[in-house]
Amino acid sequence: MTDEHGKPIMAVKVYAPFQVYFEGEAYSVSAVNGTGPFDILPRHHNFLCMLVPCQLVVEPVSGNQKTIKIHRALMHVRADEVVVFMDV
């Protein structure tokens, strides 16, 4: 997937059982797991991890940067799609 300028993008969804915090297209997602801070960019390899308490940062294609406080979450990256399920 690319934006109108040809820059790679990915689909991102950050949600909890009763609330969606972000759903849309983004250029990057930054978070922290047990190993340390990391970034997810388009075309990232498949990836699965537990996030530790941190500030998850989404750089959306449209709109301002979105920062979401994470206590516990599971992140799954597959085929330019990032899913973060919080409060697990």
C-alpha atoms as a PDB file:
ATOM      1  CA  MET A   1       0.000   0.000   0.000  1.00  0.00           C
ATOM      2  CA  THR A   2       1.150   3.530  -0.703  1.00  0.00           C
ATOM      3  CA  ASP A   3      -0.177   7.038  -0.167  1.00  0.00           C
ATOM      4  CA  GLU A   4      -0.948   9.420  -3.050  1.00  0.00           C
ATOM      5  CA  HIS A   5       2.765  10.321  -3.277  1.00  0.00           C
ATOM      6  CA  GLY A   6       3.904   6.698  -3.490  1.00  0.00           C
ATOM      7  CA  LYS A   7       5.205   6.554   0.107  1.00  0.00           C
ATOM      8  CA  PRO A   8       4.641   3.118   1.749  1.00  0.00           C
ATOM      9  CA  ILE A   9       1.890   2.939   4.386  1.00  0.00           C
ATOM     10  CA  MET A  10       0.278   0.269   6.546  1.00  0.00           C
ATOM     11  CA  ALA A  11      -3.078  -0.379   8.185  1.00  0.00           C
ATOM     12  CA  VAL A  12      -3.052   0.106  11.967  1.00  0.00           C
ATOM     13  CA  LYS A  13      -5.671  -0.749  14.579  1.00  0.00           C
ATOM     14  CA  VAL A  14      -5.187  -0.122  18.316  1.00  0.00           C
ATOM     15  CA  TYR A  15      -8.089  -1.284  20.443  1.00  0.00           C
ATOM     16  CA  ALA A  16      -9.279  -2.694  23.762  1.00  0.00           C
ATOM     17  CA  PRO A  17     -12.347  -4.838  24.426  1.00  0.00           C
ATOM     18  CA  PHE A  18     -14.678  -1.820  24.572  1.00  0.00           C
ATOM     19  CA  GLN A  19     -12.852   0.990  22.758  1.00  0.00           C
ATOM     20  CA  VAL A  20     -10.976   1.648  19.514  1.00  0.00           C
ATOM     21  CA  TYR A  21      -8.095   4.085  20.115  1.00  0.00           C
ATOM     22  CA  PHE A  22      -6.884   4.310  16.516  1.00  0.00           C
ATOM     23  CA  GLU A  23      -7.886   2.717  13.233  1.00  0.00           C
ATOM     24  CA  GLY A  24      -6.491   3.891   9.919  1.00  0.00           C
ATOM     25  CA  GLU A  25      -3.450   4.151   7.689  1.00  0.00           C
ATOM     26  CA  ALA A  26      -0.057   5.128   9.110  1.00  0.00           C
ATOM     27  CA  TYR A  27       3.593   5.583   8.194  1.00  0.00           C
ATOM     28  CA  SER A  28       4.985   4.131  11.439  1.00  0.00           C
ATOM     29  CA  VAL A  29       4.235   2.778  14.912  1.00  0.00           C
ATOM     30  CA  SER A  30       6.669   3.084  17.837  1.00  0.00           C
ATOM     31  CA  ALA A  31       6.446   1.137  21.102  1.00  0.00           C
ATOM     32  CA  VAL A  32       8.457  -0.711  23.772  1.00  0.00           C
ATOM     33  CA  ASN A  33       8.665  -4.445  24.499  1.00  0.00           C
ATOM     34  CA  GLY A  34      10.810  -6.412  26.971  1.00  0.00           C
ATOM     35  CA  THR A  35      13.887  -5.927  24.775  1.00  0.00           C
ATOM     36  CA  GLY A  36      13.496  -2.159  24.453  1.00  0.00           C
ATOM     37  CA  PRO A  37      12.060   0.511  22.146  1.00  0.00           C
ATOM     38  CA  PHE A  38      11.355  -0.306  18.493  1.00  0.00           C
ATOM     39  CA  ASP A  39       9.618   1.024  15.393  1.00  0.00           C
ATOM     40  CA  ILE A  40       7.360  -0.737  12.913  1.00  0.00           C
ATOM     41  CA  LEU A  41       7.494   0.580   9.350  1.00  0.00           C
ATOM     42  CA  PRO A  42       5.714  -0.604   6.193  1.00  0.00           C
ATOM     43  CA  ARG A  43       7.086  -3.893   4.799  1.00  0.00           C
ATOM     44  CA  HIS A  44       8.208  -5.012   8.291  1.00  0.00           C
ATOM     45  CA  HIS A  45       8.666  -8.756   8.743  1.00  0.00           C
ATOM     46  CA  ASN A  46       5.895 -10.657  10.521  1.00  0.00           C
ATOM     47  CA  PHE A  47       6.201  -9.919  14.223  1.00  0.00           C
ATOM     48  CA  LEU A  48       4.391 -10.790  17.453  1.00  0.00           C
ATOM     49  CA  CYS A  49       5.218  -9.429  20.914  1.00  0.00           C
ATOM     50  CA  MET A  50       3.893  -8.296  24.265  1.00  0.00           C
ATOM     51  CA  LEU A  51       4.256  -4.579  24.938  1.00  0.00           C
ATOM     52  CA  VAL A  52       5.367  -3.302  28.330  1.00  0.00           C
ATOM     53  CA  PRO A  53       3.972  -0.084  29.850  1.00  0.00           C
ATOM     54  CA  CYS A  54       4.864   2.655  27.373  1.00  0.00           C
ATOM     55  CA  GLN A  55       3.603   5.385  25.093  1.00  0.00           C
ATOM     56  CA  LEU A  56       2.599   3.852  21.744  1.00  0.00           C
ATOM     57  CA  VAL A  57       3.095   6.445  19.003  1.00  0.00           C
ATOM     58  CA  VAL A  58       1.295   6.244  15.643  1.00  0.00           C
ATOM     59  CA  GLU A  59       2.299   8.514  12.732  1.00  0.00           C
ATOM     60  CA  PRO A  60      -0.941   8.570  10.707  1.00  0.00           C
ATOM     61  CA  VAL A  61      -1.154   9.369   7.009  1.00  0.00           C
ATOM     62  CA  SER A  62      -3.653  12.125   7.767  1.00  0.00           C
ATOM     63  CA  GLY A  63      -3.927  14.092  10.970  1.00  0.00           C
ATOM     64  CA  ASN A  64      -1.606  14.597  13.906  1.00  0.00           C
ATOM     65  CA  GLN A  65       0.611  12.079  15.644  1.00  0.00           C
ATOM     66  CA  LYS A  66      -1.405   9.883  18.025  1.00  0.00           C
ATOM     67  CA  THR A  67       0.081   8.886  21.402  1.00  0.00           C
ATOM     68  CA  ILE A  68      -1.653   6.144  23.382  1.00  0.00           C
ATOM     69  CA  LYS A  69      -0.681   5.069  26.897  1.00  0.00           C
ATOM     70  CA  ILE A  70      -0.187   1.287  27.033  1.00  0.00           C
ATOM     71  CA  HIS A  71      -0.281  -0.772  30.244  1.00  0.00           C
ATOM     72  CA  ARG A  72      -0.342  -4.238  28.681  1.00  0.00           C
ATOM     73  CA  ALA A  73      -0.856  -5.115  25.041  1.00  0.00           C
ATOM     74  CA  LEU A  74      -0.241  -7.685  22.354  1.00  0.00           C
ATOM     75  CA  MET A  75       1.126  -6.458  19.012  1.00  0.00           C
ATOM     76  CA  HIS A  76       0.784  -8.463  15.794  1.00  0.00           C
ATOM     77  CA  VAL A  77       2.403  -7.328  12.526  1.00  0.00           C
ATOM     78  CA  ARG A  78       1.601  -9.139   9.288  1.00  0.00           C
ATOM     79  CA  ALA A  79       1.566  -8.026   5.640  1.00  0.00           C
ATOM     80  CA  ASP A  80       1.539  -4.253   6.263  1.00  0.00           C
ATOM     81  CA  GLU A  81      -1.102  -4.609   8.960  1.00  0.00           C
ATOM     82  CA  VAL A  82      -0.424  -3.769  12.621  1.00  0.00           C
ATOM     83  CA  VAL A  83      -2.912  -4.810  15.301  1.00  0.00           C
ATOM     84  CA  VAL A  84      -2.446  -3.826  18.943  1.00  0.00           C
ATOM     85  CA  PHE A  85      -4.890  -5.401  21.391  1.00  0.00           C
ATOM     86  CA  MET A  86      -4.723  -3.647  24.757  1.00  0.00           C
ATOM     87  CA  ASP A  87      -5.558  -4.736  28.292  1.00  0.00           C
ATOM     88  CA  VAL A  88      -4.816  -8.432  27.733  1.00  0.00           C
END
